Protein backbone atom coordinates (compact mmCIF):
# COMPACT_ATOMS: atom_id res chain seq x y z
CA MET A 1 -28.65 -29.05 41.60
CA THR A 2 -29.07 -28.16 37.96
CA ASP A 3 -31.22 -29.98 35.44
CA ILE A 4 -29.51 -32.75 33.52
CA MET A 5 -29.64 -32.21 29.77
CA ARG A 6 -30.67 -35.54 28.27
CA LEU A 7 -29.71 -35.52 24.62
CA SER A 8 -32.51 -37.95 23.70
CA GLU A 9 -34.93 -35.15 24.65
CA GLN A 10 -33.00 -32.33 22.97
CA TYR A 11 -33.13 -30.85 19.51
CA VAL A 12 -29.50 -31.16 18.39
CA PRO A 13 -29.47 -31.86 14.63
CA THR A 14 -25.76 -32.41 14.00
CA LEU A 15 -24.49 -32.80 10.43
CA LYS A 16 -21.66 -34.88 8.98
CA GLU A 17 -21.02 -32.60 6.00
CA ASP A 18 -20.02 -28.95 5.85
CA PRO A 19 -22.60 -26.49 4.52
CA ALA A 20 -21.82 -25.56 0.92
CA ASP A 21 -21.65 -21.79 1.58
CA ALA A 22 -19.45 -21.96 4.68
CA GLU A 23 -16.07 -20.25 4.15
CA ILE A 24 -14.76 -20.08 7.73
CA ALA A 25 -14.56 -22.40 10.73
CA SER A 26 -17.21 -20.74 12.92
CA HIS A 27 -19.85 -20.82 10.18
CA ARG A 28 -19.05 -24.43 9.29
CA LEU A 29 -18.91 -25.77 12.84
CA LEU A 30 -21.88 -23.91 14.30
CA VAL A 31 -24.09 -25.29 11.53
CA ARG A 32 -22.67 -28.81 11.78
CA ALA A 33 -22.96 -28.83 15.59
CA GLY A 34 -26.67 -28.07 15.31
CA MET A 35 -26.41 -24.63 16.92
CA ILE A 36 -27.55 -22.36 14.10
CA ARG A 37 -29.48 -22.69 10.85
CA LYS A 38 -29.59 -20.34 7.88
CA VAL A 39 -33.04 -18.89 7.19
CA ALA A 40 -32.07 -16.49 4.41
CA SER A 41 -28.88 -14.82 3.22
CA GLY A 42 -27.34 -13.25 6.33
CA VAL A 43 -30.22 -14.36 8.59
CA TYR A 44 -29.81 -17.21 11.10
CA ALA A 45 -31.94 -19.04 13.65
CA PHE A 46 -30.39 -20.18 16.94
CA LEU A 47 -31.19 -23.74 17.97
CA PRO A 48 -31.23 -24.91 21.65
CA LEU A 49 -27.48 -25.44 22.15
CA GLY A 50 -26.66 -22.23 20.30
CA MET A 51 -29.15 -20.40 22.49
CA LYS A 52 -27.45 -21.72 25.63
CA VAL A 53 -24.11 -20.30 24.50
CA LEU A 54 -25.69 -17.04 23.40
CA SER A 55 -27.48 -16.66 26.74
CA LYS A 56 -24.24 -17.21 28.67
CA ILE A 57 -22.46 -14.52 26.68
CA GLU A 58 -25.37 -12.16 27.27
CA GLN A 59 -25.25 -12.93 31.00
CA ILE A 60 -21.54 -12.14 31.18
CA VAL A 61 -22.22 -8.85 29.38
CA ARG A 62 -25.07 -8.03 31.79
CA GLU A 63 -22.92 -8.78 34.84
CA GLU A 64 -20.14 -6.50 33.65
CA MET A 65 -22.52 -3.70 32.65
CA ASN A 66 -24.39 -3.83 35.95
CA ALA A 67 -21.07 -3.88 37.83
CA ILE A 68 -20.15 -0.42 36.48
CA GLY A 69 -23.57 1.08 37.13
CA ALA A 70 -25.17 0.82 33.69
CA ARG A 71 -28.89 0.12 33.72
CA GLU A 72 -30.69 -2.14 31.27
CA ILE A 73 -33.57 -0.95 29.09
CA LEU A 74 -35.15 -2.20 25.87
CA MET A 75 -35.80 0.06 22.92
CA PRO A 76 -37.77 -0.87 19.81
CA ALA A 77 -35.94 -2.11 16.73
CA LEU A 78 -38.48 -0.21 14.59
CA GLN A 79 -37.46 3.46 14.54
CA PRO A 80 -39.32 6.44 13.01
CA SER A 81 -37.48 8.05 10.12
CA GLU A 82 -37.96 11.58 11.48
CA LEU A 83 -35.43 10.91 14.23
CA TRP A 84 -32.84 9.99 11.63
CA HIS A 85 -33.70 13.10 9.65
CA GLU A 86 -33.09 15.15 12.81
CA SER A 87 -29.57 13.75 13.18
CA GLY A 88 -28.89 14.04 9.44
CA ARG A 89 -28.10 10.33 9.06
CA TRP A 90 -31.17 9.23 7.07
CA ASP A 91 -29.41 10.02 3.79
CA ASP A 92 -25.83 9.71 5.04
CA TYR A 93 -26.08 6.16 6.37
CA GLY A 94 -26.48 4.65 2.91
CA PRO A 95 -28.12 1.49 1.56
CA GLU A 96 -27.25 -0.61 4.63
CA LEU A 97 -30.11 1.10 6.45
CA MET A 98 -33.23 -1.08 6.13
CA ARG A 99 -36.06 1.35 5.36
CA LEU A 100 -39.81 0.70 5.20
CA ASN A 101 -43.16 2.49 5.21
CA ASP A 102 -46.26 1.57 7.19
CA ARG A 103 -49.81 1.52 5.77
CA HIS A 104 -50.06 5.27 6.37
CA ASP A 105 -46.87 5.86 4.38
CA HIS A 106 -44.92 6.88 7.49
CA GLY A 107 -41.21 6.15 7.14
CA PHE A 108 -39.37 3.79 9.48
CA CYS A 109 -36.12 1.86 9.63
CA LEU A 110 -34.98 -1.31 11.35
CA GLY A 111 -32.31 0.01 13.66
CA PRO A 112 -28.66 -0.78 12.87
CA THR A 113 -27.84 1.29 15.95
CA HIS A 114 -29.80 3.44 18.43
CA GLU A 115 -28.09 6.82 18.86
CA GLU A 116 -31.09 8.71 17.51
CA LEU A 117 -33.69 6.86 19.53
CA ILE A 118 -31.84 7.01 22.86
CA THR A 119 -31.16 10.73 22.37
CA ALA A 120 -34.84 11.37 21.69
CA LEU A 121 -35.77 9.31 24.74
CA VAL A 122 -33.38 11.01 27.12
CA ARG A 123 -34.08 14.58 25.99
CA ASN A 124 -37.60 14.19 27.34
CA GLU A 125 -36.52 12.68 30.67
CA LEU A 126 -33.13 14.02 31.84
CA ARG A 127 -33.55 17.70 32.68
CA SER A 128 -30.82 18.58 35.18
CA TYR A 129 -27.09 18.18 35.69
CA ARG A 130 -28.03 16.52 39.00
CA GLN A 131 -29.28 13.50 37.01
CA LEU A 132 -25.90 13.04 35.29
CA PRO A 133 -23.96 10.93 34.53
CA THR A 134 -26.41 8.27 33.36
CA THR A 135 -25.59 5.11 31.40
CA LEU A 136 -28.29 2.95 29.78
CA TYR A 137 -27.82 -0.25 27.82
CA GLN A 138 -29.82 -2.86 25.96
CA ILE A 139 -29.27 -6.27 24.36
CA GLN A 140 -31.28 -6.42 21.18
CA SER A 141 -31.41 -7.41 17.52
CA LYS A 142 -29.91 -5.00 14.96
CA PHE A 143 -30.33 -4.91 11.21
CA ARG A 144 -27.97 -3.93 8.39
CA ASP A 145 -28.60 -4.69 4.72
CA GLU A 146 -25.12 -5.95 3.94
CA ILE A 147 -24.30 -5.95 0.25
CA ARG A 148 -22.67 -9.35 0.63
CA PRO A 149 -23.60 -11.22 3.78
CA ARG A 150 -20.94 -13.85 4.39
CA PHE A 151 -18.95 -15.65 7.05
CA GLY A 152 -22.03 -16.80 8.93
CA LEU A 153 -22.53 -14.77 12.10
CA LEU A 154 -19.56 -12.48 11.38
CA ARG A 155 -21.32 -10.51 8.65
CA SER A 156 -25.05 -11.02 8.83
CA ARG A 157 -28.07 -8.83 8.16
CA GLU A 158 -29.66 -9.46 11.55
CA PHE A 159 -27.50 -9.76 14.65
CA ILE A 160 -27.65 -9.36 18.43
CA MET A 161 -25.76 -6.50 20.01
CA LYS A 162 -25.36 -4.89 23.38
CA ASP A 163 -25.35 -1.14 22.92
CA ALA A 164 -24.91 1.35 25.75
CA TYR A 165 -25.15 5.13 25.83
CA SER A 166 -23.87 7.50 28.49
CA PHE A 167 -24.84 11.12 29.14
CA HIS A 168 -22.59 13.65 30.86
CA ASP A 169 -22.11 17.29 31.76
CA SER A 170 -18.34 17.34 31.25
CA GLN A 171 -15.57 15.74 29.23
CA GLU A 172 -14.00 14.52 32.49
CA SER A 173 -17.17 12.63 33.37
CA LEU A 174 -17.34 11.10 29.88
CA GLN A 175 -13.70 10.01 30.09
CA LYS A 176 -14.33 8.24 33.39
CA THR A 177 -17.24 6.21 31.98
CA TYR A 178 -15.31 5.58 28.74
CA ASP A 179 -12.41 4.13 30.76
CA GLU A 180 -14.75 2.04 32.95
CA MET A 181 -16.55 0.70 29.90
CA SER A 182 -13.24 -0.12 28.18
CA SER A 183 -12.11 -2.08 31.25
CA ALA A 184 -15.43 -3.92 31.33
CA TYR A 185 -15.05 -4.83 27.65
CA GLY A 186 -11.62 -6.26 28.36
CA ARG A 187 -13.09 -8.39 31.16
CA ILE A 188 -15.88 -9.60 28.86
CA CYS A 189 -13.32 -10.73 26.29
CA GLU A 190 -11.31 -12.51 29.00
CA ARG A 191 -14.35 -14.22 30.54
CA VAL A 192 -15.56 -15.64 27.22
CA GLY A 193 -12.05 -16.90 26.45
CA LEU A 194 -10.92 -14.53 23.70
CA ASP A 195 -7.36 -13.62 22.78
CA TYR A 196 -7.94 -9.96 21.98
CA ARG A 197 -6.31 -6.57 21.46
CA PRO A 198 -7.74 -3.08 22.08
CA VAL A 199 -6.80 -1.13 18.94
CA GLU A 200 -7.01 2.44 17.69
CA ALA A 201 -9.86 2.71 15.23
CA ASP A 202 -11.97 4.96 13.02
CA SER A 203 -15.39 6.06 14.27
CA GLY A 204 -17.05 5.49 10.89
CA GLN A 205 -20.75 6.26 10.58
CA ILE A 206 -21.25 6.49 14.35
CA GLY A 207 -19.07 9.58 14.59
CA GLY A 208 -17.12 11.09 17.46
CA SER A 209 -13.47 11.96 17.91
CA VAL A 210 -12.16 9.14 20.13
CA THR A 211 -12.79 5.43 19.67
CA CYS A 212 -11.23 2.05 20.36
CA GLU A 213 -12.05 -1.38 18.93
CA PHE A 214 -11.63 -4.67 20.76
CA MET A 215 -10.33 -7.18 18.22
CA ALA A 216 -10.31 -10.95 18.59
CA LEU A 217 -7.21 -12.20 16.79
CA ALA A 218 -8.19 -14.62 14.01
CA GLU A 219 -7.14 -15.33 10.45
CA ALA A 220 -10.79 -15.17 9.41
CA GLY A 221 -11.01 -11.58 10.60
CA GLU A 222 -11.86 -8.96 8.02
CA ALA A 223 -9.84 -6.25 9.76
CA GLU A 224 -6.08 -5.83 9.28
CA LEU A 225 -4.21 -4.87 12.43
CA VAL A 226 -0.74 -3.80 13.43
CA TYR A 227 0.68 -4.10 16.91
CA CYS A 228 3.90 -3.38 18.70
CA PRO A 229 5.69 -6.34 20.32
CA SER A 230 7.38 -4.01 22.82
CA CYS A 231 4.58 -1.74 24.07
CA ASP A 232 0.78 -1.64 24.19
CA PHE A 233 0.25 0.10 20.85
CA ALA A 234 -2.18 -1.62 18.48
CA ALA A 235 -4.31 -0.19 15.69
CA ASN A 236 -6.65 -0.99 12.87
CA THR A 237 -4.70 -0.23 9.70
CA GLU A 238 -7.56 2.07 8.65
CA ALA A 239 -6.90 4.36 11.60
CA GLY A 240 -3.40 3.83 12.96
CA ALA A 241 -0.69 6.46 12.66
CA CYS A 242 1.81 5.54 9.96
CA VAL A 243 5.46 6.06 10.81
CA THR A 244 7.30 4.62 7.85
CA ARG A 245 10.82 4.72 6.53
CA PRO A 246 10.98 5.68 2.87
CA GLU A 247 14.29 5.17 1.12
CA GLU A 248 16.06 7.95 -0.79
CA HIS A 249 17.53 7.21 -4.23
CA LYS A 250 20.73 9.25 -4.04
CA VAL A 251 21.38 11.47 -7.06
CA ASP A 252 23.09 14.84 -7.42
CA ALA A 253 20.60 16.53 -9.70
CA CYS A 254 17.09 16.27 -11.10
CA GLU A 255 16.87 14.30 -14.34
CA LYS A 256 13.87 13.72 -16.56
CA ILE A 257 14.03 10.23 -18.02
CA ALA A 258 11.95 8.35 -20.56
CA THR A 259 9.96 5.51 -19.03
CA PRO A 260 7.95 4.03 -21.90
CA GLY A 261 5.08 1.80 -20.77
CA VAL A 262 5.82 2.45 -17.09
CA THR A 263 2.55 3.36 -15.36
CA THR A 264 2.78 1.65 -11.95
CA ILE A 265 5.11 1.90 -8.98
CA ALA A 266 6.12 -1.75 -9.39
CA SER A 267 7.06 -1.25 -13.05
CA LEU A 268 8.88 2.01 -12.26
CA ALA A 269 10.97 0.36 -9.52
CA GLU A 270 11.81 -2.52 -11.85
CA PHE A 271 12.70 -0.16 -14.70
CA LEU A 272 15.08 1.86 -12.52
CA HIS A 273 16.39 -1.14 -10.55
CA ILE A 274 15.46 0.45 -7.23
CA SER A 275 13.20 -0.44 -4.32
CA GLU A 276 9.54 0.64 -4.34
CA ARG A 277 10.37 2.36 -1.05
CA ALA A 278 12.59 4.75 -3.02
CA THR A 279 9.70 5.95 -5.23
CA VAL A 280 6.85 8.36 -4.58
CA LYS A 281 3.27 7.42 -5.46
CA ALA A 282 0.79 10.01 -6.73
CA MET A 283 -2.98 10.05 -6.19
CA VAL A 284 -5.44 12.64 -7.43
CA GLY A 285 -8.72 13.69 -5.84
CA LYS A 286 -11.02 16.62 -5.24
CA ASN A 287 -12.26 18.53 -2.22
CA VAL A 288 -15.79 19.53 -1.24
CA GLN A 289 -15.61 22.51 -3.62
CA GLY A 290 -14.65 20.24 -6.49
CA GLU A 291 -11.08 21.57 -6.63
CA VAL A 292 -8.45 19.09 -7.79
CA VAL A 293 -5.78 18.10 -5.25
CA ALA A 294 -2.66 15.95 -5.67
CA LEU A 295 -1.47 13.63 -2.91
CA PHE A 296 1.94 11.96 -2.61
CA ILE A 297 2.90 9.00 -0.42
CA PRO A 298 5.82 6.53 -0.22
CA GLY A 299 5.74 4.17 -3.18
CA ASP A 300 5.45 1.01 -1.07
CA HIS A 301 2.35 2.24 0.78
CA GLU A 302 -1.33 2.82 0.03
CA LEU A 303 -3.29 6.02 0.43
CA ASN A 304 -5.55 6.00 3.48
CA GLU A 305 -8.71 7.71 2.24
CA LEU A 306 -10.08 8.16 5.76
CA LYS A 307 -6.97 10.11 6.73
CA ALA A 308 -7.21 12.14 3.53
CA GLN A 309 -10.82 13.02 4.37
CA ARG A 310 -9.73 14.37 7.75
CA VAL A 311 -7.24 16.69 6.07
CA ILE A 312 -9.24 17.57 2.95
CA GLU A 313 -12.93 18.32 3.47
CA GLY A 314 -15.14 16.17 1.24
CA PHE A 315 -12.17 14.34 -0.30
CA GLU A 316 -12.91 11.88 -3.09
CA LEU A 317 -10.54 10.18 -5.51
CA LEU A 318 -10.94 11.12 -9.16
CA ASP A 319 -11.95 8.46 -11.67
CA ASP A 320 -10.05 7.99 -14.93
CA GLU A 321 -12.29 10.39 -16.87
CA GLU A 322 -11.95 13.10 -14.24
CA ILE A 323 -8.15 12.69 -14.23
CA LYS A 324 -8.18 13.16 -17.99
CA GLN A 325 -10.36 16.27 -17.66
CA ALA A 326 -7.85 17.65 -15.15
CA LYS A 327 -5.19 17.32 -17.89
CA LEU A 328 -3.11 14.90 -15.86
CA PRO A 329 -1.37 11.81 -17.29
CA LYS A 330 -2.45 8.80 -15.25
CA GLY A 331 0.65 6.77 -14.36
CA SER A 332 3.05 9.71 -14.65
CA ILE A 333 1.68 12.30 -12.22
CA GLY A 334 4.11 14.29 -10.12
CA PRO A 335 4.45 17.55 -8.15
CA VAL A 336 6.62 19.30 -10.75
CA ASN A 337 4.80 21.55 -13.26
CA LEU A 338 1.32 20.62 -12.11
CA PRO A 339 -1.54 22.52 -13.76
CA GLU A 340 -2.19 25.83 -12.00
CA GLY A 341 -4.38 25.73 -8.90
CA ILE A 342 -3.71 22.12 -7.90
CA LYS A 343 -2.75 21.99 -4.23
CA VAL A 344 -0.04 19.49 -3.20
CA TYR A 345 -0.48 17.28 -0.12
CA ALA A 346 2.32 14.91 0.90
CA ASP A 347 2.82 12.25 3.53
CA GLU A 348 4.90 13.64 6.37
CA SER A 349 7.35 10.73 6.08
CA LEU A 350 8.52 12.20 2.76
CA LYS A 351 9.84 15.32 4.52
CA SER A 352 13.10 13.45 5.05
CA ILE A 353 13.47 12.65 1.34
CA GLU A 354 15.15 15.62 -0.33
CA ARG A 355 14.98 14.30 -3.90
CA TRP A 356 11.99 12.27 -5.17
CA VAL A 357 11.58 9.63 -7.85
CA VAL A 358 8.18 10.64 -9.18
CA GLY A 359 6.07 11.22 -12.30
CA ALA A 360 6.95 14.10 -14.63
CA ASN A 361 3.34 14.99 -15.59
CA GLU A 362 4.06 13.74 -19.09
CA ASP A 363 3.12 10.34 -20.51
CA GLY A 364 6.12 8.01 -20.50
CA PHE A 365 8.38 10.24 -18.39
CA HIS A 366 9.48 10.42 -14.76
CA PHE A 367 11.78 12.60 -12.71
CA VAL A 368 14.66 11.09 -10.80
CA GLY A 369 15.89 13.53 -8.16
CA ALA A 370 13.07 16.13 -8.15
CA LYS A 371 14.09 18.42 -5.26
CA GLN A 372 11.72 19.69 -2.56
CA GLY A 373 11.60 23.48 -2.34
CA GLU A 374 13.41 23.89 -5.63
CA ASP A 375 11.61 21.86 -8.29
CA PHE A 376 8.29 21.76 -6.43
CA THR A 377 6.59 22.88 -3.22
CA VAL A 378 4.44 20.87 -0.81
CA ASN A 379 1.48 22.89 0.48
CA VAL A 380 0.39 20.54 3.29
CA TRP A 381 2.24 17.77 5.14
CA ALA A 382 0.07 15.13 6.82
CA ASP A 383 -0.18 11.45 7.74
CA LEU A 384 -1.80 10.07 4.58
CA SER A 385 -0.55 6.49 4.39
CA THR A 386 -2.12 3.25 5.58
CA VAL A 387 0.03 1.75 8.31
CA THR A 388 1.34 -1.74 7.64
CA ALA A 389 3.53 -4.38 9.27
CA GLY A 390 7.15 -3.27 9.06
CA ASP A 391 6.37 0.36 9.84
CA LEU A 392 7.52 1.86 13.14
CA CYS A 393 5.54 2.06 16.35
CA PRO A 394 4.48 5.69 16.91
CA HIS A 395 4.93 5.20 20.68
CA CYS A 396 8.31 3.48 21.02
CA GLY A 397 9.79 3.16 17.52
CA GLU A 398 9.83 -0.66 17.46
CA VAL A 399 8.99 -2.43 14.18
CA LEU A 400 5.28 -3.24 14.00
CA GLU A 401 3.91 -6.72 13.38
CA GLY A 402 0.72 -7.56 11.53
CA ALA A 403 -2.35 -9.65 12.35
CA ARG A 404 -6.00 -10.06 11.38
CA GLY A 405 -8.86 -9.54 13.76
CA ILE A 406 -12.60 -9.77 14.30
CA GLU A 407 -14.16 -6.67 15.80
CA VAL A 408 -16.22 -7.84 18.78
CA SER A 409 -16.79 -4.51 20.53
CA GLN A 410 -16.09 -0.79 20.26
CA VAL A 411 -16.24 2.28 22.50
CA PHE A 412 -16.85 5.85 21.26
CA GLN A 413 -16.69 9.35 22.67
CA LEU A 414 -19.47 11.03 20.70
CA GLY A 415 -19.24 14.48 22.24
CA ASP A 416 -22.33 16.56 21.41
CA LYS A 417 -22.81 15.35 17.82
CA TYR A 418 -26.29 13.90 18.41
CA SER A 419 -27.44 16.07 21.30
CA LYS A 420 -26.80 19.30 19.36
CA ALA A 421 -28.42 18.03 16.18
CA MET A 422 -31.49 16.79 18.05
CA GLY A 423 -31.86 19.54 20.62
CA ALA A 424 -31.13 17.30 23.62
CA VAL A 425 -30.15 19.65 26.45
CA TYR A 426 -30.04 19.71 30.23
CA SER A 427 -30.06 22.54 32.73
CA ALA A 428 -26.48 23.14 33.86
CA GLU A 429 -25.44 24.24 37.35
CA ASP A 430 -25.35 27.88 36.18
CA GLY A 431 -28.91 27.62 34.87
CA THR A 432 -28.06 27.58 31.17
CA ASP A 433 -29.21 24.89 28.74
CA GLN A 434 -26.32 22.75 27.52
CA PRO A 435 -26.20 19.83 25.07
CA PHE A 436 -25.42 16.44 26.61
CA ILE A 437 -21.93 15.09 26.16
CA MET A 438 -22.41 11.50 25.05
CA GLY A 439 -20.60 8.19 24.85
CA CYS A 440 -21.58 5.09 22.90
CA TYR A 441 -20.43 1.51 23.54
CA GLY A 442 -21.25 -1.66 21.59
CA VAL A 443 -20.63 -5.40 22.01
CA GLY A 444 -21.50 -7.69 19.10
CA VAL A 445 -22.94 -10.63 21.01
CA THR A 446 -23.39 -12.94 18.02
CA ARG A 447 -20.02 -11.83 16.59
CA THR A 448 -18.41 -12.65 19.94
CA LEU A 449 -19.87 -16.15 19.81
CA ALA A 450 -18.48 -16.67 16.30
CA ALA A 451 -15.10 -15.18 17.27
CA VAL A 452 -14.78 -17.63 20.17
CA VAL A 453 -15.34 -20.55 17.78
CA GLU A 454 -12.78 -19.12 15.34
CA GLN A 455 -10.16 -19.21 18.11
CA HIS A 456 -11.28 -22.43 19.79
CA ASN A 457 -11.62 -25.29 17.34
CA ASP A 458 -9.78 -28.21 15.77
CA GLU A 459 -10.41 -30.70 12.97
CA GLN A 460 -12.99 -32.51 15.09
CA GLY A 461 -15.12 -29.54 16.06
CA ILE A 462 -15.61 -26.73 18.56
CA ILE A 463 -13.65 -26.45 21.82
CA TRP A 464 -15.84 -24.29 24.07
CA PRO A 465 -14.29 -22.37 26.95
CA PHE A 466 -15.80 -23.58 30.20
CA SER A 467 -17.50 -20.24 30.85
CA ILE A 468 -19.84 -20.31 27.86
CA ALA A 469 -20.12 -24.00 26.91
CA PRO A 470 -23.69 -25.29 26.37
CA ALA A 471 -22.90 -27.66 29.29
CA HIS A 472 -19.75 -28.22 31.31
CA VAL A 473 -19.64 -32.01 31.21
CA CYS A 474 -21.06 -34.63 28.88
CA ILE A 475 -21.56 -38.17 30.24
CA ILE A 476 -21.40 -40.77 27.47
CA PRO A 477 -22.72 -44.25 28.43
CA LEU A 478 -21.70 -46.77 25.78
CA THR A 479 -24.91 -48.73 26.39
CA VAL A 480 -28.34 -47.37 27.27
CA GLY A 481 -31.20 -49.14 29.06
CA ASP A 482 -29.05 -51.80 30.74
CA ASN A 483 -28.69 -52.35 34.48
CA GLU A 484 -24.92 -52.01 34.57
CA VAL A 485 -23.55 -49.09 32.54
CA TYR A 486 -26.44 -46.67 32.37
CA PRO A 487 -27.20 -46.53 36.12
CA VAL A 488 -23.57 -45.56 36.76
CA ALA A 489 -23.77 -42.85 34.09
CA GLU A 490 -26.94 -41.56 35.74
CA GLN A 491 -25.27 -41.56 39.15
CA ILE A 492 -22.25 -39.58 37.87
CA ALA A 493 -24.57 -37.11 36.16
CA ARG A 494 -26.58 -36.56 39.37
CA GLU A 495 -23.49 -36.13 41.55
CA LEU A 496 -21.92 -33.58 39.21
CA SER A 497 -25.23 -31.78 38.86
CA ASN A 498 -25.50 -31.62 42.65
CA ASP A 499 -22.03 -30.05 42.66
CA GLY A 500 -23.40 -27.25 40.46
CA PHE A 501 -22.07 -28.41 37.11
CA GLU A 502 -24.19 -28.24 33.97
CA VAL A 503 -24.36 -31.83 32.77
CA ALA A 504 -25.37 -33.34 29.44
CA LEU A 505 -26.16 -37.04 29.36
CA ASP A 506 -25.92 -38.66 25.93
CA ASP A 507 -28.65 -41.23 26.44
CA ARG A 508 -29.35 -41.61 22.74
CA LYS A 509 -29.48 -45.15 21.35
CA GLU A 510 -26.60 -44.46 18.97
CA ARG A 511 -23.34 -46.22 18.23
CA PRO A 512 -20.39 -45.14 20.41
CA GLY A 513 -18.59 -43.73 17.36
CA VAL A 514 -21.52 -41.41 16.63
CA LYS A 515 -21.59 -40.20 20.23
CA PHE A 516 -17.83 -39.58 20.31
CA ALA A 517 -17.93 -37.66 17.02
CA ASP A 518 -20.86 -35.52 18.16
CA ALA A 519 -19.24 -34.83 21.53
CA ASP A 520 -16.11 -33.47 19.84
CA LEU A 521 -18.14 -31.59 17.24
CA ILE A 522 -20.36 -29.89 19.85
CA GLY A 523 -17.33 -29.18 21.99
CA TRP A 524 -18.26 -30.20 25.55
CA PRO A 525 -15.27 -29.12 27.72
CA VAL A 526 -15.21 -32.43 29.63
CA GLN A 527 -16.37 -35.84 28.38
CA ILE A 528 -16.77 -38.85 30.68
CA VAL A 529 -17.17 -42.21 28.94
CA VAL A 530 -18.81 -45.04 30.89
CA GLY A 531 -18.43 -48.56 29.48
CA LYS A 532 -18.55 -52.20 30.65
CA ARG A 533 -14.84 -52.82 30.20
CA GLY A 534 -13.83 -49.82 32.27
CA LEU A 535 -16.40 -50.48 34.98
CA SER A 536 -15.15 -54.04 35.33
CA GLU A 537 -11.94 -52.47 36.60
CA GLY A 538 -13.73 -49.72 38.54
CA ASN A 539 -12.74 -47.05 36.00
CA VAL A 540 -14.30 -44.53 33.64
CA GLU A 541 -12.64 -42.63 30.82
CA ILE A 542 -12.28 -38.85 31.01
CA LYS A 543 -11.39 -36.50 28.20
CA TYR A 544 -10.61 -32.80 28.44
CA ARG A 545 -11.59 -31.30 25.08
CA THR A 546 -8.80 -28.73 25.10
CA LYS A 547 -6.13 -31.45 25.31
CA GLY A 548 -7.91 -34.05 23.23
CA GLU A 549 -6.43 -36.88 25.33
CA LYS A 550 -8.38 -39.61 27.12
CA LYS A 551 -7.31 -41.30 30.34
CA SER A 552 -8.83 -43.88 32.66
CA ILE A 553 -9.51 -42.84 36.24
CA PRO A 554 -11.10 -44.64 39.18
CA LEU A 555 -14.81 -44.00 39.45
CA GLU A 556 -14.42 -42.42 42.89
CA GLN A 557 -12.00 -39.81 41.46
CA VAL A 558 -14.40 -38.29 38.93
CA ARG A 559 -15.39 -35.38 41.16
CA GLU A 560 -11.74 -34.77 42.07
CA ALA A 561 -10.83 -34.71 38.38
CA LEU A 562 -13.17 -31.74 37.90
CA ALA A 563 -11.65 -29.71 40.73
CA PHE A 564 -10.11 -27.31 38.21
CA ALA A 565 -13.51 -26.66 36.70
CA ARG A 566 -14.97 -26.03 40.13
CA ARG A 567 -12.41 -23.24 40.64
CA ILE A 568 -13.32 -21.69 37.31
CA LYS A 569 -17.03 -21.80 38.19
CA ARG A 570 -16.44 -19.90 41.41
CA LYS A 571 -14.87 -16.91 39.69
CA LYS A 572 -17.05 -13.81 40.03
CA PRO A 573 -17.34 -10.72 37.83
CA VAL A 574 -15.57 -7.61 39.00
CA LEU A 575 -18.06 -5.62 41.11
């Protein structure tokens, strides 16, 4: 038997109106349902019902982590700055890192992540290859000073995250844990009720060479995704390989033409009466030595700066003044007759285009039909474009489709980035000291909660999946304190509780309309309405929140009506 949640004794401050700063469904509904409250910009308190949901998500995460042999620890959020100086990230991380000094002027930060701290911890404890592999995880608050906190729990300055770190003596061992963790993350998404996609991603500030994001599909998502309808390929547009199909404007010879006032790809295509796909876009940047480089991509695409940085060390785009100093005409830049010393990089999709429609390096002029190998030379071919819907799948060649997603978790292969920088070594089987090979794995617990609401809601409120709902069933007696309706409601609540269901009993002295509205807003998976009229016929009313339909059933069939839920409750994590 579980305790019955009597709403008259609970703190559930529901609201009729949307909060003024709420832009997306999860922010709006979690506030209105009395589950969270804003304390400051990007900082939220969790109220009792919100805590119940949060705790259930955390429990699912714990079950899946424990099932693959990870062991839970708890590290401090307050981290000494010297560890971040060791890794080299104190200056590199940027203004998102919340920094502070104590009364002795010692530097600290509020951890946005824990690679430095876990590495420092393990280097003093794990000495031998015989102790490897080891995986440790924690569920804890993280802090990032977002420049613009928005979207409620999706982009906040304080959030709850599960982060795990694994330590290995070989790449094969790391790969095994990486695969196990990826499978566990998929199960977590499934158990909380998310429609998700594992996608190729960029490692960002964490680092490492291999990474995958788990994206919950949602229009409110800040990430743009592409996926293949025919195979399992999916990618964040920031990281996915771009296989595009530029169009060639067929001409017999190179011609320099006047294009007065034409400074954009759109205006060039309109001027020439051709598709943007038949043009070539120019971008100008510099490398780590400050040398100017020119990059060329299909006209209908955007330069992917992350890809450019992988090809060109220290790559940065030039601003307008720097372009002017390089003696290049913004809006008419091309590969023909570039100033001496400027190296040419081009998207590999342009290899198939013999003659380019491109700037002539002269204000108000473009070339139509500039020929590769004759009029200009490409020094380096590389994937430089941002993939978009309509491009081709790099695995099977099918046309990609687009979507938006919320990143709820990510797995990384870090290699020895942190262990080398911080002197974290173990004694290998041959007696030599070797740096740990590391993996890093994160689940955004509060982001997951918000993502579930983004996918499971309607005009009336939240529709919680059974697995993480604040309670499974809500009993709604239309009268309270009488000797007819309320005793029956109590009896149903006790019987369902004895069956192992989590039961809420709305025993508040409120009008039925208020109770119905709150029940839909909060999102109880099953609602059972007990009223005099129904009882006179031996019936109660049952409503499954996912369907939104009510139906009358005989009182003795209530437990039978929840048979489906009983099956769901019995499902166990993969052990």
